[in-house]
């Protein structure tokens, strides 16, 4: 039970990592809707022809929306883990709660590492898909 505070901090870090990735994905999505690149109609050679928004490209949509989905998953899993830790710290005499201690501990440790690395990789991918301007 000495690790209850640390497990709570790890669960909070996971939820925070999801929030940080969500902020980056929001910026990238907004930028992708505003930024234009590539002509809509390639049969004409007029340089004044309208250009496509980069969000109209399938690969761009996939890359941005993948990070949006990942941020939701991390945020919701972090909240679930925070709830588990709160139940653990409030109900020390419950055998069911004590039996779930190994699961909560290993989930908190593993998911914290996974979520922070996924956030780092996701933010870098979002930056790259916006041409370094995201």
N, C-alpha and C. Protein backbone atom coordinates (compact mmCIF):
# COMPACT_ATOMS: atom_id res chain seq x y z
N UNK A 1 0.81 -1.20 0.00
CA UNK A 1 0.00 0.00 0.00
C UNK A 1 0.85 1.26 0.00
N UNK A 2 2.15 1.10 0.19
CA UNK A 2 3.04 2.26 0.16
C UNK A 2 3.09 2.86 -1.25
N UNK A 3 2.76 2.07 -2.24
CA UNK A 3 2.82 2.53 -3.62
C UNK A 3 1.52 3.16 -4.11
N UNK A 4 0.54 3.32 -3.25
CA UNK A 4 -0.75 3.86 -3.68
C UNK A 4 -0.62 5.27 -4.23
N UNK A 5 0.21 6.08 -3.60
CA UNK A 5 0.42 7.44 -4.09
C UNK A 5 1.10 7.41 -5.45
N UNK A 6 2.09 6.54 -5.59
CA UNK A 6 2.80 6.44 -6.87
C UNK A 6 1.88 5.91 -7.97
N UNK A 7 1.02 4.97 -7.64
CA UNK A 7 0.08 4.47 -8.65
C UNK A 7 -0.88 5.57 -9.08
N UNK A 8 -1.32 6.39 -8.15
CA UNK A 8 -2.19 7.52 -8.49
C UNK A 8 -1.48 8.52 -9.39
N UNK A 9 -0.21 8.76 -9.10
CA UNK A 9 0.57 9.68 -9.94
C UNK A 9 0.76 9.10 -11.34
N UNK A 10 1.00 7.81 -11.43
CA UNK A 10 1.18 7.18 -12.74
C UNK A 10 -0.12 7.23 -13.55
N UNK A 11 -1.23 6.99 -12.90
CA UNK A 11 -2.52 7.07 -13.59
C UNK A 11 -2.79 8.50 -14.06
N UNK A 12 -2.44 9.46 -13.23
CA UNK A 12 -2.60 10.86 -13.62
C UNK A 12 -1.71 11.23 -14.78
N UNK A 13 -0.49 10.69 -14.81
CA UNK A 13 0.42 10.97 -15.93
C UNK A 13 -0.13 10.41 -17.23
N UNK A 14 -0.78 9.25 -17.13
CA UNK A 14 -1.36 8.66 -18.33
C UNK A 14 -2.49 9.52 -18.87
N UNK A 15 -3.37 9.98 -18.00
CA UNK A 15 -4.46 10.85 -18.43
C UNK A 15 -3.92 12.17 -18.97
N UNK A 16 -2.87 12.69 -18.33
CA UNK A 16 -2.26 13.94 -18.79
C UNK A 16 -1.61 13.76 -20.16
N UNK A 17 -0.98 12.63 -20.38
CA UNK A 17 -0.37 12.37 -21.69
C UNK A 17 -1.44 12.35 -22.78
N UNK A 18 -2.59 11.77 -22.47
CA UNK A 18 -3.69 11.79 -23.43
C UNK A 18 -4.17 13.21 -23.72
N UNK A 19 -4.20 14.05 -22.69
CA UNK A 19 -4.60 15.44 -22.88
C UNK A 19 -3.60 16.22 -23.71
N UNK A 20 -2.32 15.96 -23.50
CA UNK A 20 -1.29 16.65 -24.27
C UNK A 20 -1.36 16.23 -25.73
N UNK A 21 -1.53 14.94 -25.98
CA UNK A 21 -1.66 14.47 -27.36
C UNK A 21 -2.92 15.03 -28.01
N UNK A 22 -3.99 15.16 -27.24
CA UNK A 22 -5.23 15.74 -27.77
C UNK A 22 -5.02 17.20 -28.18
N UNK A 23 -4.26 17.94 -27.39
CA UNK A 23 -3.97 19.34 -27.73
C UNK A 23 -3.17 19.42 -29.03
N UNK A 24 -2.17 18.55 -29.17
CA UNK A 24 -1.38 18.53 -30.40
C UNK A 24 -2.21 18.11 -31.60
N UNK A 25 -3.09 17.14 -31.41
CA UNK A 25 -3.94 16.69 -32.51
C UNK A 25 -4.94 17.77 -32.91
N UNK A 26 -5.41 18.54 -31.94
CA UNK A 26 -6.32 19.63 -32.25
C UNK A 26 -5.63 20.69 -33.10
N UNK A 27 -4.41 21.03 -32.72
CA UNK A 27 -3.64 22.01 -33.49
C UNK A 27 -3.39 21.50 -34.90
N UNK A 28 -2.99 20.24 -35.03
CA UNK A 28 -2.71 19.67 -36.35
C UNK A 28 -3.97 19.59 -37.20
N UNK A 29 -5.10 19.24 -36.60
CA UNK A 29 -6.35 19.15 -37.35
C UNK A 29 -6.77 20.53 -37.85
N UNK A 30 -6.68 21.52 -37.00
CA UNK A 30 -7.05 22.88 -37.42
C UNK A 30 -6.12 23.38 -38.51
N UNK A 31 -4.83 23.13 -38.37
CA UNK A 31 -3.87 23.54 -39.39
C UNK A 31 -4.14 22.83 -40.71
N UNK A 32 -4.48 21.56 -40.64
CA UNK A 32 -4.72 20.77 -41.85
C UNK A 32 -5.95 21.24 -42.61
N UNK A 33 -6.89 21.84 -41.92
CA UNK A 33 -8.10 22.34 -42.58
C UNK A 33 -7.83 23.69 -43.25
N UNK A 34 -6.87 24.43 -42.73
CA UNK A 34 -6.58 25.76 -43.26
C UNK A 34 -5.51 25.71 -44.36
N UNK A 35 -4.51 24.88 -44.21
CA UNK A 35 -3.38 24.82 -45.14
C UNK A 35 -3.79 24.18 -46.45
N UNK A 36 -3.42 24.82 -47.56
CA UNK A 36 -3.72 24.27 -48.89
C UNK A 36 -2.43 23.90 -49.58
N UNK A 37 -2.52 22.84 -50.37
CA UNK A 37 -1.36 22.37 -51.12
C UNK A 37 -1.84 21.41 -52.19
N UNK A 38 -1.42 21.60 -53.39
CA UNK A 38 -1.80 20.73 -54.50
C UNK A 38 -3.09 21.20 -55.15
N UNK A 39 -3.07 21.23 -56.46
CA UNK A 39 -4.22 21.74 -57.20
C UNK A 39 -5.36 20.73 -57.23
N UNK A 40 -6.58 21.24 -57.16
CA UNK A 40 -7.75 20.37 -57.23
C UNK A 40 -7.92 19.81 -58.64
N UNK A 41 -7.74 20.64 -59.60
CA UNK A 41 -7.90 20.25 -61.01
C UNK A 41 -6.54 20.30 -61.67
N UNK A 42 -6.02 19.13 -62.05
CA UNK A 42 -4.67 19.08 -62.63
C UNK A 42 -4.68 19.15 -64.15
N UNK A 43 -5.85 19.17 -64.77
CA UNK A 43 -5.89 19.20 -66.24
C UNK A 43 -5.57 20.58 -66.79
N UNK A 44 -5.75 21.63 -66.00
CA UNK A 44 -5.43 22.97 -66.46
C UNK A 44 -4.05 23.36 -65.96
N UNK A 45 -3.44 24.28 -66.63
CA UNK A 45 -2.12 24.75 -66.21
C UNK A 45 -2.20 26.16 -65.60
N UNK A 46 -3.38 26.53 -65.14
CA UNK A 46 -3.56 27.85 -64.55
C UNK A 46 -3.05 27.83 -63.10
N UNK A 47 -2.12 28.72 -62.82
CA UNK A 47 -1.54 28.77 -61.48
C UNK A 47 -2.51 29.36 -60.45
N UNK A 48 -3.60 29.94 -60.92
CA UNK A 48 -4.58 30.51 -60.00
C UNK A 48 -5.70 29.53 -59.67
N UNK A 49 -5.58 28.31 -60.12
CA UNK A 49 -6.60 27.30 -59.84
C UNK A 49 -6.65 27.03 -58.33
N UNK A 50 -7.82 26.67 -57.83
CA UNK A 50 -7.93 26.42 -56.38
C UNK A 50 -7.10 25.21 -55.95
N UNK A 51 -6.61 25.29 -54.74
CA UNK A 51 -5.81 24.20 -54.20
C UNK A 51 -6.61 23.43 -53.15
N UNK A 52 -6.17 22.20 -52.89
CA UNK A 52 -6.83 21.33 -51.91
C UNK A 52 -6.32 21.61 -50.51
N UNK A 53 -7.20 21.46 -49.54
CA UNK A 53 -6.77 21.49 -48.14
C UNK A 53 -6.02 20.20 -47.88
N UNK A 54 -5.00 20.27 -47.04
CA UNK A 54 -4.23 19.04 -46.82
C UNK A 54 -5.03 17.99 -46.05
N UNK A 55 -6.10 18.41 -45.37
CA UNK A 55 -6.96 17.44 -44.69
C UNK A 55 -7.77 16.63 -45.70
N UNK A 56 -7.89 17.11 -46.93
CA UNK A 56 -8.60 16.37 -47.97
C UNK A 56 -7.83 15.14 -48.44
N UNK A 57 -6.54 15.09 -48.14
CA UNK A 57 -5.75 13.92 -48.51
C UNK A 57 -6.00 12.80 -47.50
N UNK A 58 -6.20 11.60 -48.00
CA UNK A 58 -6.54 10.46 -47.15
C UNK A 58 -5.45 10.14 -46.13
N UNK A 59 -4.20 10.25 -46.55
CA UNK A 59 -3.10 9.94 -45.64
C UNK A 59 -3.06 10.95 -44.48
N UNK A 60 -3.31 12.21 -44.79
CA UNK A 60 -3.32 13.24 -43.75
C UNK A 60 -4.45 12.99 -42.74
N UNK A 61 -5.62 12.68 -43.26
CA UNK A 61 -6.75 12.37 -42.37
C UNK A 61 -6.43 11.20 -41.47
N UNK A 62 -5.84 10.16 -42.06
CA UNK A 62 -5.50 8.97 -41.27
C UNK A 62 -4.51 9.32 -40.17
N UNK A 63 -3.47 10.06 -40.50
CA UNK A 63 -2.43 10.36 -39.51
C UNK A 63 -2.96 11.24 -38.38
N UNK A 64 -3.77 12.22 -38.71
CA UNK A 64 -4.29 13.12 -37.67
C UNK A 64 -5.35 12.42 -36.83
N UNK A 65 -6.29 11.75 -37.47
CA UNK A 65 -7.38 11.12 -36.72
C UNK A 65 -6.92 9.92 -35.91
N UNK A 66 -5.83 9.28 -36.35
CA UNK A 66 -5.26 8.19 -35.55
C UNK A 66 -4.78 8.73 -34.20
N UNK A 67 -4.17 9.90 -34.20
CA UNK A 67 -3.69 10.48 -32.96
C UNK A 67 -4.85 10.98 -32.09
N UNK A 68 -5.92 11.45 -32.72
CA UNK A 68 -7.11 11.85 -31.97
C UNK A 68 -7.68 10.64 -31.23
N UNK A 69 -7.80 9.52 -31.93
CA UNK A 69 -8.34 8.31 -31.32
C UNK A 69 -7.42 7.81 -30.20
N UNK A 70 -6.13 7.87 -30.42
CA UNK A 70 -5.17 7.43 -29.40
C UNK A 70 -5.25 8.32 -28.16
N UNK A 71 -5.44 9.60 -28.36
CA UNK A 71 -5.53 10.50 -27.21
C UNK A 71 -6.79 10.20 -26.39
N UNK A 72 -7.91 9.92 -27.05
CA UNK A 72 -9.12 9.53 -26.33
C UNK A 72 -8.89 8.25 -25.54
N UNK A 73 -8.25 7.27 -26.18
CA UNK A 73 -8.00 5.99 -25.51
C UNK A 73 -7.12 6.18 -24.27
N UNK A 74 -6.07 6.99 -24.40
CA UNK A 74 -5.19 7.20 -23.25
C UNK A 74 -5.89 7.97 -22.14
N UNK A 75 -6.64 8.99 -22.50
CA UNK A 75 -7.33 9.80 -21.50
C UNK A 75 -8.36 8.96 -20.74
N UNK A 76 -9.15 8.19 -21.46
CA UNK A 76 -10.19 7.38 -20.81
C UNK A 76 -9.59 6.25 -19.98
N UNK A 77 -8.53 5.63 -20.47
CA UNK A 77 -7.87 4.57 -19.70
C UNK A 77 -7.21 5.16 -18.45
N UNK A 78 -6.64 6.35 -18.57
CA UNK A 78 -6.07 7.02 -17.39
C UNK A 78 -7.13 7.31 -16.35
N UNK A 79 -8.29 7.75 -16.79
CA UNK A 79 -9.39 7.99 -15.85
C UNK A 79 -9.87 6.70 -15.19
N UNK A 80 -9.95 5.62 -15.98
CA UNK A 80 -10.34 4.32 -15.43
C UNK A 80 -9.34 3.87 -14.36
N UNK A 81 -8.07 4.04 -14.67
CA UNK A 81 -7.03 3.64 -13.73
C UNK A 81 -7.05 4.51 -12.48
N UNK A 82 -7.32 5.80 -12.63
CA UNK A 82 -7.44 6.69 -11.48
C UNK A 82 -8.59 6.26 -10.58
N UNK A 83 -9.71 5.87 -11.18
CA UNK A 83 -10.85 5.37 -10.39
C UNK A 83 -10.47 4.11 -9.62
N UNK A 84 -9.73 3.21 -10.27
CA UNK A 84 -9.30 1.98 -9.60
C UNK A 84 -8.40 2.28 -8.40
N UNK A 85 -7.49 3.23 -8.58
CA UNK A 85 -6.58 3.60 -7.49
C UNK A 85 -7.36 4.24 -6.34
N UNK A 86 -8.35 5.05 -6.65
CA UNK A 86 -9.16 5.68 -5.60
C UNK A 86 -9.93 4.63 -4.81
N UNK A 87 -10.48 3.64 -5.51
CA UNK A 87 -11.18 2.55 -4.81
C UNK A 87 -10.20 1.79 -3.93
N UNK A 88 -9.00 1.59 -4.43
CA UNK A 88 -7.98 0.87 -3.68
C UNK A 88 -7.61 1.60 -2.40
N UNK A 89 -7.44 2.91 -2.48
CA UNK A 89 -7.03 3.67 -1.29
C UNK A 89 -8.16 3.86 -0.30
N UNK A 90 -9.40 3.80 -0.74
CA UNK A 90 -10.53 4.02 0.16
C UNK A 90 -11.02 2.74 0.83
N UNK A 91 -10.83 1.60 0.18
CA UNK A 91 -11.38 0.35 0.73
C UNK A 91 -10.32 -0.66 1.06
N UNK A 92 -9.47 -0.37 2.02
CA UNK A 92 -8.34 -1.24 2.33
C UNK A 92 -8.75 -2.58 2.93
N UNK A 93 -9.92 -2.67 3.56
CA UNK A 93 -10.31 -3.91 4.21
C UNK A 93 -11.01 -4.88 3.27
N UNK A 94 -11.32 -4.46 2.07
CA UNK A 94 -12.04 -5.29 1.11
C UNK A 94 -11.06 -6.27 0.44
N UNK A 95 -11.33 -7.56 0.54
CA UNK A 95 -10.42 -8.57 -0.04
C UNK A 95 -10.35 -8.45 -1.55
N UNK A 96 -11.46 -8.12 -2.19
CA UNK A 96 -11.48 -7.98 -3.64
C UNK A 96 -10.56 -6.84 -4.10
N UNK A 97 -10.54 -5.78 -3.34
CA UNK A 97 -9.68 -4.64 -3.67
C UNK A 97 -8.22 -5.02 -3.49
N UNK A 98 -7.92 -5.72 -2.41
CA UNK A 98 -6.53 -6.12 -2.16
C UNK A 98 -6.07 -7.13 -3.22
N UNK A 99 -6.97 -8.00 -3.66
CA UNK A 99 -6.61 -8.97 -4.70
C UNK A 99 -6.34 -8.29 -6.04
N UNK A 100 -6.92 -7.11 -6.27
CA UNK A 100 -6.71 -6.42 -7.54
C UNK A 100 -5.46 -5.55 -7.52
N UNK A 101 -4.75 -5.49 -6.40
CA UNK A 101 -3.55 -4.67 -6.28
C UNK A 101 -2.48 -4.99 -7.32
N UNK A 102 -2.14 -6.27 -7.57
CA UNK A 102 -1.12 -6.54 -8.60
C UNK A 102 -1.53 -6.04 -9.99
N UNK A 103 -2.81 -6.21 -10.33
CA UNK A 103 -3.27 -5.74 -11.64
C UNK A 103 -3.17 -4.23 -11.75
N UNK A 104 -3.58 -3.53 -10.71
CA UNK A 104 -3.53 -2.06 -10.74
C UNK A 104 -2.09 -1.58 -10.80
N UNK A 105 -1.22 -2.20 -10.01
CA UNK A 105 0.19 -1.79 -10.00
C UNK A 105 0.85 -2.00 -11.35
N UNK A 106 0.68 -3.18 -11.92
CA UNK A 106 1.32 -3.46 -13.21
C UNK A 106 0.70 -2.64 -14.33
N UNK A 107 -0.60 -2.42 -14.28
CA UNK A 107 -1.25 -1.60 -15.30
C UNK A 107 -0.76 -0.16 -15.23
N UNK A 108 -0.65 0.37 -14.02
CA UNK A 108 -0.20 1.75 -13.87
C UNK A 108 1.23 1.92 -14.36
N UNK A 109 2.10 0.99 -14.01
CA UNK A 109 3.50 1.09 -14.42
C UNK A 109 3.65 0.94 -15.93
N UNK A 110 3.02 -0.06 -16.50
CA UNK A 110 3.16 -0.30 -17.93
C UNK A 110 2.49 0.74 -18.79
N UNK A 111 1.28 1.13 -18.41
CA UNK A 111 0.53 2.09 -19.23
C UNK A 111 1.12 3.49 -19.16
N UNK A 112 1.76 3.84 -18.04
CA UNK A 112 2.41 5.15 -17.96
C UNK A 112 3.54 5.23 -18.98
N UNK A 113 4.36 4.20 -19.02
CA UNK A 113 5.46 4.19 -19.97
C UNK A 113 4.95 4.16 -21.41
N UNK A 114 3.96 3.33 -21.67
CA UNK A 114 3.41 3.23 -23.02
C UNK A 114 2.78 4.54 -23.47
N UNK A 115 2.01 5.17 -22.59
CA UNK A 115 1.30 6.39 -22.99
C UNK A 115 2.25 7.56 -23.21
N UNK A 116 3.29 7.68 -22.39
CA UNK A 116 4.21 8.80 -22.59
C UNK A 116 5.04 8.63 -23.86
N UNK A 117 5.44 7.41 -24.16
CA UNK A 117 6.18 7.18 -25.40
C UNK A 117 5.27 7.36 -26.61
N UNK A 118 4.03 6.88 -26.52
CA UNK A 118 3.08 7.06 -27.62
C UNK A 118 2.76 8.53 -27.84
N UNK A 119 2.71 9.31 -26.77
CA UNK A 119 2.47 10.75 -26.90
C UNK A 119 3.63 11.42 -27.61
N UNK A 120 4.84 11.07 -27.23
CA UNK A 120 6.02 11.63 -27.88
C UNK A 120 6.03 11.29 -29.37
N UNK A 121 5.80 10.03 -29.70
CA UNK A 121 5.80 9.62 -31.10
C UNK A 121 4.64 10.25 -31.87
N UNK A 122 3.48 10.36 -31.23
CA UNK A 122 2.32 10.96 -31.87
C UNK A 122 2.51 12.43 -32.17
N UNK A 123 3.08 13.18 -31.22
CA UNK A 123 3.33 14.60 -31.45
C UNK A 123 4.34 14.80 -32.56
N UNK A 124 5.35 13.95 -32.61
CA UNK A 124 6.35 14.06 -33.68
C UNK A 124 5.72 13.74 -35.04
N UNK A 125 4.86 12.74 -35.09
CA UNK A 125 4.19 12.40 -36.35
C UNK A 125 3.27 13.54 -36.79
N UNK A 126 2.57 14.15 -35.85
CA UNK A 126 1.70 15.28 -36.19
C UNK A 126 2.52 16.46 -36.71
N UNK A 127 3.66 16.71 -36.11
CA UNK A 127 4.53 17.78 -36.57
C UNK A 127 5.01 17.52 -37.99
N UNK A 128 5.39 16.28 -38.25
CA UNK A 128 5.87 15.93 -39.59
C UNK A 128 4.78 16.02 -40.63
N UNK A 129 3.57 15.57 -40.30
CA UNK A 129 2.50 15.58 -41.30
C UNK A 129 2.00 16.99 -41.60
N UNK A 130 2.37 17.94 -40.78
CA UNK A 130 2.02 19.34 -41.06
C UNK A 130 3.19 20.07 -41.70
N UNK A 131 4.18 19.34 -42.16
CA UNK A 131 5.31 19.95 -42.84
C UNK A 131 6.24 20.69 -41.89
N UNK A 132 6.25 20.31 -40.64
CA UNK A 132 7.10 20.97 -39.68
C UNK A 132 6.50 22.24 -39.12
N UNK A 133 5.30 22.61 -39.58
CA UNK A 133 4.66 23.84 -39.13
C UNK A 133 3.59 23.61 -38.08
N UNK A 134 3.31 22.36 -37.75
CA UNK A 134 2.22 22.05 -36.83
C UNK A 134 2.56 22.26 -35.39
